[in-house]
């Protein structure tokens, strides 16, 4: 599960067509910077385009300026094209020196294939180890060894809402699923879509399943799935979660035409800040999108946020979160010795250093570094940034996005099948049988 941020002009250009039910185009599909992996001109790195791109680019520009003999060639890609390209490149032994990832099942597949280096000795240095929040850094470990280190902000998913629309129907943020469902007809009566979501991209649908499984059955449900236990997808919590999703869809809980809404263009979030939808379940990129497209909406105090509601009778801790602990750098096993040395030295001296962390925070991304209280207090939005930081740092369990936690093949399958659940094309029972069939994959 990833996210990109787009300008107000791009968003509003397609908004009128979107509200009328037409599809909105996706983002870019190729590199936006020169250079290539294995170009022979030094170490290489691929980054994701969007608002955080500036922080990455600034970090490598600063490095290149100070290290003439250890240059990094940088390329930028949109989310989905990157995912496809990096899998192919890693499999062919032609990946960039620094491999951008999310941890989880995809990282595990790289480790099993011997495609990325063991960085345990690197992070044993207290100067590096103590830089990261331990709960976030743990997502880069496989089998007790470190193969990836955090490179981006923490990304817990929560509900963002339009305070003006809540005030219009005299509502408060729901604390339980029952309260959430009770708001749906009230917003409908007022001509407001309860939730906006991008069904076109598929991955924005994932937090709904992740949170409901956790709230109903606790983290053990996902742990059994990740352990490939037979029939793990048939757990009652999975079935109930999908039934609740379909109930919300049938109640018109989502904006009409959500299956055609793009997130690369920011059109899904535009419905929130333009008053067409009351809520959005999303990553911090939701905030970043609004900050870029309509900063006055935030400055005027119109954006609210709250944790995913509890489910009545559920076993999950309401403090558990889902999303992406962060993004990570791994070092390609196929890189040359000189390229690896450049990457290791960069990680030790420049990764999430003071300037890097400041750049992340300036674009609404909370860096996973220890001792950030002073920076958060002096930021542009202390309340929001502290909420994100504490949500991630204090979570008893932080569930990685399903498409990254699972193996690449299973991740593709859950995206397809969950989209079909939202569209009413398959039943929760069929979802379970389809996903159980991937366990041996």
Protein backbone atom coordinates (compact mmCIF):
# COMPACT_ATOMS: atom_id res chain seq x y z
CA UNK A 1 0.00 0.00 0.00
CA UNK A 2 1.55 3.22 -1.17
CA UNK A 3 0.41 6.72 -1.86
CA UNK A 4 1.29 9.71 -3.99
CA UNK A 5 0.47 13.41 -3.68
CA UNK A 6 -0.63 15.62 -6.54
CA UNK A 7 -1.08 19.35 -7.08
CA UNK A 8 -4.40 21.18 -6.76
CA UNK A 9 -4.45 22.02 -10.48
CA UNK A 10 -4.11 18.36 -11.45
CA UNK A 11 -6.81 17.33 -8.99
CA UNK A 12 -9.38 19.93 -9.89
CA UNK A 13 -8.88 19.43 -13.62
CA UNK A 14 -10.55 16.04 -13.36
CA UNK A 15 -12.91 16.63 -10.45
CA UNK A 16 -15.95 17.72 -12.46
CA UNK A 17 -15.75 14.62 -14.62
CA UNK A 18 -15.25 12.47 -11.53
CA UNK A 19 -18.39 13.69 -9.77
CA UNK A 20 -20.31 12.89 -12.94
CA UNK A 21 -19.06 9.30 -12.79
CA UNK A 22 -16.27 9.40 -15.36
CA UNK A 23 -12.90 7.80 -14.71
CA UNK A 24 -9.94 9.97 -13.86
CA UNK A 25 -6.57 9.20 -15.42
CA UNK A 26 -3.71 7.61 -13.50
CA UNK A 27 -0.35 9.18 -12.72
CA UNK A 28 2.86 8.91 -14.65
CA UNK A 29 4.10 5.53 -15.74
CA UNK A 30 7.84 5.94 -16.12
CA UNK A 31 11.01 7.53 -14.79
CA UNK A 32 11.23 11.26 -14.37
CA UNK A 33 14.96 11.54 -13.74
CA UNK A 34 17.91 10.60 -15.87
CA UNK A 35 20.27 7.73 -15.09
CA UNK A 36 19.72 4.00 -14.73
CA UNK A 37 20.63 1.08 -12.54
CA UNK A 38 23.92 -0.47 -13.52
CA UNK A 39 24.84 2.52 -15.71
CA UNK A 40 28.46 2.29 -14.66
CA UNK A 41 28.40 5.89 -13.41
CA UNK A 42 28.24 5.06 -9.71
CA UNK A 43 25.68 3.75 -7.28
CA UNK A 44 22.03 3.93 -8.31
CA UNK A 45 18.73 4.50 -6.54
CA UNK A 46 15.06 4.53 -7.55
CA UNK A 47 12.61 6.64 -5.57
CA UNK A 48 8.83 7.10 -5.60
CA UNK A 49 7.48 10.31 -7.12
CA UNK A 50 5.25 12.59 -5.09
CA UNK A 51 5.68 15.04 -2.26
CA UNK A 52 8.32 13.00 -0.39
CA UNK A 53 10.46 12.86 -3.54
CA UNK A 54 11.94 16.25 -2.60
CA UNK A 55 13.31 14.95 0.70
CA UNK A 56 14.96 11.98 -1.00
CA UNK A 57 16.35 14.12 -3.81
CA UNK A 58 17.72 16.72 -1.40
CA UNK A 59 19.47 14.01 0.59
CA UNK A 60 21.17 12.50 -2.45
CA UNK A 61 22.00 15.92 -3.91
CA UNK A 62 23.73 16.84 -0.65
CA UNK A 63 25.58 13.54 -0.65
CA UNK A 64 26.70 13.88 -4.26
CA UNK A 65 27.95 17.42 -3.63
CA UNK A 66 30.13 16.21 -0.76
CA UNK A 67 31.27 12.88 -2.28
CA UNK A 68 32.56 13.33 -5.82
CA UNK A 69 33.90 9.76 -5.95
CA UNK A 70 30.72 8.10 -4.61
CA UNK A 71 27.89 9.51 -6.70
CA UNK A 72 24.29 8.27 -6.71
CA UNK A 73 22.27 8.27 -9.93
CA UNK A 74 18.61 8.89 -9.04
CA UNK A 75 15.45 7.88 -10.92
CA UNK A 76 11.88 8.59 -9.89
CA UNK A 77 8.81 6.44 -10.62
CA UNK A 78 5.09 6.54 -9.81
CA UNK A 79 3.94 3.94 -7.25
CA UNK A 80 2.51 1.13 -9.33
CA UNK A 81 5.05 1.25 -12.18
CA UNK A 82 7.82 1.14 -9.60
CA UNK A 83 6.41 -1.98 -7.94
CA UNK A 84 6.39 -3.86 -11.22
CA UNK A 85 9.77 -2.59 -12.36
CA UNK A 86 11.61 -3.31 -9.12
CA UNK A 87 10.37 -6.92 -8.94
CA UNK A 88 11.62 -7.56 -12.46
CA UNK A 89 14.93 -5.82 -11.80
CA UNK A 90 15.60 -7.66 -8.54
CA UNK A 91 14.73 -10.99 -10.13
CA UNK A 92 17.12 -10.34 -13.01
CA UNK A 93 19.95 -9.18 -10.75
CA UNK A 94 19.74 -5.69 -12.25
CA UNK A 95 18.23 -3.72 -9.39
CA UNK A 96 19.53 -0.34 -8.27
CA UNK A 97 22.15 -0.30 -5.53
CA UNK A 98 19.63 0.94 -2.97
CA UNK A 99 16.33 -0.95 -3.20
CA UNK A 100 13.27 0.97 -2.00
CA UNK A 101 10.70 -1.23 -0.27
CA UNK A 102 8.10 -1.74 2.44
CA UNK A 103 9.43 -4.74 4.36
CA UNK A 104 7.18 -7.76 4.92
CA UNK A 105 6.66 -10.58 2.44
CA UNK A 106 8.30 -8.79 -0.46
CA UNK A 107 11.48 -8.21 1.55
CA UNK A 108 11.35 -11.84 2.69
CA UNK A 109 11.22 -12.98 -0.93
CA UNK A 110 14.32 -10.89 -1.68
CA UNK A 111 16.13 -12.41 1.30
CA UNK A 112 15.24 -15.98 0.31
CA UNK A 113 16.55 -15.32 -3.20
CA UNK A 114 19.79 -13.84 -1.87
CA UNK A 115 19.00 -10.57 -3.63
CA UNK A 116 19.74 -8.17 -0.78
CA UNK A 117 22.62 -7.92 1.70
CA UNK A 118 22.58 -8.57 5.44
CA UNK A 119 22.97 -5.17 7.14
CA UNK A 120 23.07 -6.46 10.73
CA UNK A 121 26.65 -5.33 11.27
CA UNK A 122 25.78 -1.87 9.96
CA UNK A 123 22.90 -1.28 12.37
CA UNK A 124 24.88 -2.72 15.29
CA UNK A 125 26.59 0.68 15.45
CA UNK A 126 24.70 2.57 18.22
CA UNK A 127 25.01 5.82 16.27
CA UNK A 128 22.74 4.32 13.62
CA UNK A 129 20.69 1.90 15.72
CA UNK A 130 19.65 4.60 18.19
CA UNK A 131 18.57 6.91 15.39
CA UNK A 132 15.42 4.89 14.60
CA UNK A 133 12.27 4.13 16.60
CA UNK A 134 12.75 0.42 17.51
CA UNK A 135 9.15 -0.51 16.61
CA UNK A 136 9.65 0.87 13.10
CA UNK A 137 13.15 -0.49 12.54
CA UNK A 138 11.89 -3.98 13.43
CA UNK A 139 9.98 -4.15 10.14
CA UNK A 140 13.32 -4.39 8.32
CA UNK A 141 14.33 -7.63 10.04
CA UNK A 142 13.90 -11.16 8.71
CA UNK A 143 14.88 -14.16 10.83
CA UNK A 144 16.60 -11.97 13.40
CA UNK A 145 18.82 -10.25 10.84
CA UNK A 146 18.46 -6.75 9.40
CA UNK A 147 18.05 -6.46 5.64
CA UNK A 148 16.39 -3.04 5.42
CA UNK A 149 16.57 0.28 7.26
CA UNK A 150 13.87 3.00 7.49
CA UNK A 151 14.10 5.82 4.95
CA UNK A 152 10.74 7.59 5.15
CA UNK A 153 8.04 8.82 7.51
CA UNK A 154 5.81 6.60 9.63
CA UNK A 155 2.56 5.74 7.90
CA UNK A 156 -0.24 4.64 10.19
CA UNK A 157 -3.68 4.65 8.59
CA UNK A 158 -6.48 6.56 10.30
CA UNK A 159 -9.75 8.25 9.41
CA UNK A 160 -9.52 11.83 8.12
CA UNK A 161 -12.71 13.89 8.14
CA UNK A 162 -14.19 17.20 7.08
CA UNK A 163 -15.21 19.02 10.28
CA UNK A 164 -17.62 21.33 8.45
CA UNK A 165 -19.58 18.38 7.08
CA UNK A 166 -19.75 16.74 10.49
CA UNK A 167 -21.02 20.01 11.95
CA UNK A 168 -23.65 20.22 9.23
CA UNK A 169 -25.32 17.03 10.49
CA UNK A 170 -24.38 17.69 14.15
CA UNK A 171 -22.18 14.58 14.35
CA UNK A 172 -19.12 13.56 16.35
CA UNK A 173 -16.35 11.19 15.13
CA UNK A 174 -17.58 7.60 15.61
CA UNK A 175 -15.83 5.48 18.22
CA UNK A 176 -17.42 2.18 17.21
CA UNK A 177 -18.53 0.46 14.02
CA UNK A 178 -22.14 0.81 15.11
CA UNK A 179 -21.72 4.57 15.47
CA UNK A 180 -20.03 4.73 12.07
CA UNK A 181 -22.87 2.87 10.36
CA UNK A 182 -25.42 5.14 12.07
CA UNK A 183 -23.79 8.16 10.42
CA UNK A 184 -24.22 6.77 6.90
CA UNK A 185 -27.94 7.56 6.44
CA UNK A 186 -27.47 10.97 8.07
CA UNK A 187 -24.80 11.98 5.59
CA UNK A 188 -26.80 10.53 2.71
CA UNK A 189 -29.84 12.57 3.73
CA UNK A 190 -27.68 15.69 3.64
CA UNK A 191 -26.40 14.82 0.14
CA UNK A 192 -22.91 13.97 1.38
CA UNK A 193 -20.99 10.78 0.62
CA UNK A 194 -19.90 9.24 3.95
CA UNK A 195 -16.55 7.99 2.62
CA UNK A 196 -14.34 8.65 -0.37
CA UNK A 197 -12.01 5.91 -1.58
CA UNK A 198 -10.10 5.02 -4.73
CA UNK A 199 -11.35 1.66 -5.95
CA UNK A 200 -9.41 1.98 -9.18
CA UNK A 201 -6.04 1.70 -7.48
CA UNK A 202 -7.13 -1.30 -5.31
CA UNK A 203 -4.56 -0.74 -2.55
CA UNK A 204 -6.58 2.03 -0.83
CA UNK A 205 -9.16 -0.68 -0.07
CA UNK A 206 -6.69 -2.73 1.97
CA UNK A 207 -6.89 -0.85 5.31
CA UNK A 208 -10.58 -1.65 5.56
CA UNK A 209 -9.87 -5.37 5.64
CA UNK A 210 -6.76 -5.04 7.80
CA UNK A 211 -8.45 -2.96 10.47
CA UNK A 212 -11.66 -4.97 10.60
CA UNK A 213 -9.79 -8.29 10.84
CA UNK A 214 -7.71 -6.87 13.68
CA UNK A 215 -10.59 -5.19 15.54
CA UNK A 216 -12.68 -8.37 15.32
CA UNK A 217 -10.10 -11.08 15.92
CA UNK A 218 -6.88 -9.40 17.03
CA UNK A 219 -3.42 -9.63 15.39
CA UNK A 220 -3.38 -13.44 15.57
CA UNK A 221 -5.66 -13.58 12.52
CA UNK A 222 -3.11 -11.88 10.28
CA UNK A 223 -0.23 -13.74 11.95
CA UNK A 224 -1.80 -17.07 10.98
CA UNK A 225 -2.25 -15.81 7.41
CA UNK A 226 1.37 -14.69 7.22
CA UNK A 227 2.47 -18.06 8.61
CA UNK A 228 0.59 -19.75 5.73
CA UNK A 229 -1.49 -21.86 8.08
CA UNK A 230 -3.97 -24.04 6.17
CA UNK A 231 -7.34 -22.33 5.63
CA UNK A 232 -6.15 -19.24 7.52
CA UNK A 233 -8.29 -17.02 5.28
CA UNK A 234 -11.40 -18.90 6.44
CA UNK A 235 -11.06 -17.47 9.94
CA UNK A 236 -14.44 -16.07 11.07
CA UNK A 237 -12.86 -12.62 11.55
CA UNK A 238 -11.93 -12.47 7.85
CA UNK A 239 -15.41 -13.50 6.77
CA UNK A 240 -17.08 -11.06 9.16
CA UNK A 241 -14.78 -8.25 8.01
CA UNK A 242 -15.73 -8.79 4.38
CA UNK A 243 -19.41 -9.02 5.29
CA UNK A 244 -19.15 -5.66 7.08
CA UNK A 245 -17.38 -4.11 4.10
CA UNK A 246 -20.16 -5.26 1.79
CA UNK A 247 -22.79 -3.98 4.21
CA UNK A 248 -21.14 -0.57 4.17
CA UNK A 249 -21.00 -0.59 0.36
CA UNK A 250 -24.68 -1.62 0.08
CA UNK A 251 -25.64 1.15 2.49
CA UNK A 252 -24.01 3.66 0.09
CA UNK A 253 -21.24 4.29 2.56
CA UNK A 254 -18.84 5.16 -0.29
CA UNK A 255 -19.07 7.85 -2.94
CA UNK A 256 -20.84 6.75 -6.10
CA UNK A 257 -18.44 5.59 -8.80
CA UNK A 258 -15.63 4.86 -6.36
CA UNK A 259 -14.45 1.99 -8.56
CA UNK A 260 -13.34 4.54 -11.17
CA UNK A 261 -11.74 7.07 -8.85
CA UNK A 262 -7.99 7.57 -9.16
CA UNK A 263 -5.69 8.21 -6.23
CA UNK A 264 -2.60 9.03 -8.33
CA UNK A 265 -4.37 12.23 -9.39
CA UNK A 266 -5.54 12.94 -5.83
CA UNK A 267 -9.16 12.87 -6.96
CA UNK A 268 -10.29 10.69 -4.07
CA UNK A 269 -9.01 13.14 -1.44
CA UNK A 270 -10.31 16.12 -3.40
CA UNK A 271 -13.83 14.95 -2.59
CA UNK A 272 -13.00 15.35 1.10
CA UNK A 273 -11.69 18.92 1.08
CA UNK A 274 -14.19 20.15 -1.52
CA UNK A 275 -17.11 19.03 0.64
CA UNK A 276 -18.37 16.09 -1.42
CA UNK A 277 -17.37 13.35 1.08
CA UNK A 278 -17.16 13.43 4.86
CA UNK A 279 -14.37 10.92 5.57
CA UNK A 280 -11.44 9.02 4.11
CA UNK A 281 -9.57 6.06 5.61
CA UNK A 282 -6.00 6.64 4.55
CA UNK A 283 -2.28 7.03 5.02
CA UNK A 284 -0.63 10.34 6.04
CA UNK A 285 -0.46 11.04 2.30
CA UNK A 286 -4.07 12.18 2.77
CA UNK A 287 -2.78 15.10 4.83
CA UNK A 288 0.06 15.73 2.40
CA UNK A 289 -2.33 15.80 -0.57
CA UNK A 290 -4.51 18.40 1.14
CA UNK A 291 -1.47 20.37 2.31
CA UNK A 292 -0.31 20.56 -1.31
CA UNK A 293 -3.68 21.13 -3.00
CA UNK A 294 -5.60 23.22 -0.46
CA UNK A 295 -3.41 24.27 2.50
CA UNK A 296 -6.07 26.76 3.66
CA UNK A 297 -8.37 23.82 4.44
CA UNK A 298 -5.84 22.68 7.06
CA UNK A 299 -4.89 26.18 8.20
CA UNK A 300 -8.56 26.98 8.86
CA UNK A 301 -8.89 23.94 11.11
CA UNK A 302 -11.32 22.09 8.86
CA UNK A 303 -9.43 18.78 8.77
CA UNK A 304 -9.99 16.31 11.60
CA UNK A 305 -8.70 12.80 12.20
CA UNK A 306 -9.39 9.86 14.50
CA UNK A 307 -8.32 6.21 14.94
CA UNK A 308 -10.23 3.40 13.25
CA UNK A 309 -13.31 2.60 15.38
CA UNK A 310 -13.69 -0.44 17.60
CA UNK A 311 -15.96 -3.32 16.61
CA UNK A 312 -18.52 -4.30 19.20
CA UNK A 313 -17.52 -7.61 20.81
CA UNK A 314 -14.17 -7.64 19.01
CA UNK A 315 -10.94 -8.99 20.49
CA UNK A 316 -8.49 -6.50 18.95
CA UNK A 317 -6.80 -3.75 20.92
CA UNK A 318 -8.22 -0.39 19.73
CA UNK A 319 -4.68 1.03 19.85
CA UNK A 320 -3.48 -1.39 17.15
CA UNK A 321 -2.79 0.26 13.82
CA UNK A 322 -2.45 -0.80 10.20
CA UNK A 323 -0.54 0.81 7.36
CA UNK A 324 3.17 1.00 6.65
CA UNK A 325 5.61 1.41 9.55
CA UNK A 326 7.81 3.24 7.04
CA UNK A 327 9.60 2.65 3.75
CA UNK A 328 13.04 1.08 3.72
CA UNK A 329 16.38 0.90 1.94
CA UNK A 330 18.00 -2.45 1.24
CA UNK A 331 21.33 -2.89 -0.53
CA UNK A 332 21.35 -5.00 -3.67
CA UNK A 333 23.45 -8.15 -3.46
CA UNK A 334 24.28 -7.74 -7.16
CA UNK A 335 25.84 -4.29 -6.73
CA UNK A 336 29.59 -3.89 -7.09
CA UNK A 337 31.82 -3.62 -4.03
CA UNK A 338 32.31 0.11 -4.65
CA UNK A 339 28.55 0.69 -5.02
CA UNK A 340 27.84 -1.24 -1.82
CA UNK A 341 30.44 0.76 0.07
CA UNK A 342 28.87 4.01 -1.11
CA UNK A 343 25.43 2.79 -0.02
CA UNK A 344 26.64 1.65 3.39
CA UNK A 345 28.50 4.90 4.02
CA UNK A 346 25.46 6.92 2.94
CA UNK A 347 23.22 4.97 5.33
CA UNK A 348 25.61 5.46 8.25
CA UNK A 349 26.13 9.18 7.80
CA UNK A 350 23.17 10.64 5.93
CA UNK A 351 20.08 8.46 6.33
CA UNK A 352 17.43 10.32 8.35
CA UNK A 353 19.99 12.82 9.64
CA UNK A 354 18.80 16.19 10.97
CA UNK A 355 18.32 17.84 7.55
CA UNK A 356 16.68 14.75 6.05
CA UNK A 357 14.25 14.52 8.99
CA UNK A 358 13.50 18.24 8.71
CA UNK A 359 12.71 17.88 5.00
CA UNK A 360 10.32 15.01 5.69
CA UNK A 361 8.51 16.96 8.38
CA UNK A 362 8.23 20.02 6.13
CA UNK A 363 6.07 18.05 3.69
CA UNK A 364 3.89 16.44 6.35
CA UNK A 365 5.84 13.22 6.80
CA UNK A 366 6.79 12.29 10.38
CA UNK A 367 10.27 10.70 10.42
CA UNK A 368 10.72 7.49 12.50
CA UNK A 369 13.58 8.92 14.54
CA UNK A 370 13.98 8.98 18.30
CA UNK A 371 13.85 12.17 20.35
CA UNK A 372 11.67 14.16 17.96
CA UNK A 373 9.61 16.04 20.56
CA UNK A 374 11.19 19.46 20.01
CA UNK A 375 10.87 19.23 16.23
CA UNK A 376 7.23 18.18 16.47
CA UNK A 377 6.43 20.99 18.89
CA UNK A 378 7.87 23.60 16.53
CA UNK A 379 6.34 22.12 13.37
CA UNK A 380 3.60 23.68 11.27
CA UNK A 381 0.93 21.44 12.83
CA UNK A 382 2.14 20.09 16.21
CA UNK A 383 -1.14 18.40 17.12
CA UNK A 384 -1.35 16.39 13.93
CA UNK A 385 2.31 15.39 13.74
CA UNK A 386 2.37 14.36 17.40
CA UNK A 387 -0.77 12.26 16.84
CA UNK A 388 0.87 10.42 13.93
CA UNK A 389 4.14 9.93 15.82
CA UNK A 390 2.46 8.56 18.95
CA UNK A 391 0.00 6.41 17.01
CA UNK A 392 2.93 4.61 15.42
CA UNK A 393 5.32 4.61 18.38
CA UNK A 394 2.79 3.41 20.97
CA UNK A 395 0.84 0.87 18.90
CA UNK A 396 0.80 -2.58 20.57
CA UNK A 397 0.69 -4.04 17.06
CA UNK A 398 1.47 -2.34 13.73
CA UNK A 399 0.12 -4.43 10.86
CA UNK A 400 1.93 -3.92 7.58
CA UNK A 401 -0.24 -3.36 4.53
CA UNK A 402 -1.45 -6.71 3.19
CA UNK A 403 -0.01 -6.29 -0.31
CA UNK A 404 3.44 -5.86 1.23
CA UNK A 405 3.15 -8.21 4.21
CA UNK A 406 2.24 -11.13 1.95
CA UNK A 407 4.38 -12.72 -0.73
CA UNK A 408 4.26 -10.88 -4.09
CA UNK A 409 1.89 -13.48 -5.57
CA UNK A 410 -0.43 -13.44 -2.57
CA UNK A 411 -0.29 -9.64 -2.47
CA UNK A 412 -1.54 -9.45 -6.04
CA UNK A 413 -4.30 -11.94 -5.24
CA UNK A 414 -5.58 -10.06 -2.19
CA UNK A 415 -5.75 -6.81 -4.19
CA UNK A 416 -7.84 -8.47 -6.91
CA UNK A 417 -10.14 -10.37 -4.56
CA UNK A 418 -10.71 -7.47 -2.19
CA UNK A 419 -11.65 -5.21 -5.08
CA UNK A 420 -14.21 -7.86 -6.06
CA UNK A 421 -15.57 -7.86 -2.50
CA UNK A 422 -16.09 -4.09 -2.68
CA UNK A 423 -17.77 -4.39 -6.05
CA UNK A 424 -20.01 -7.24 -4.87
CA UNK A 425 -18.62 -9.60 -7.49
CA UNK A 426 -17.70 -12.36 -5.03
CA UNK A 427 -18.98 -13.44 -1.62
CA UNK A 428 -16.89 -13.44 1.58
CA UNK A 429 -16.88 -17.26 1.37
CA UNK A 430 -15.51 -17.13 -2.18
CA UNK A 431 -12.89 -14.59 -1.09
CA UNK A 432 -11.70 -17.04 1.56
CA UNK A 433 -11.50 -19.98 -0.82
CA UNK A 434 -9.66 -17.91 -3.44
CA UNK A 435 -7.11 -16.69 -0.92
CA UNK A 436 -6.69 -20.11 0.72
CA UNK A 437 -5.68 -21.39 -2.70
CA UNK A 438 -2.68 -19.03 -2.64
CA UNK A 439 -1.27 -20.40 0.62
CA UNK A 440 0.94 -22.95 -1.11
CA UNK A 441 2.08 -20.32 -3.66
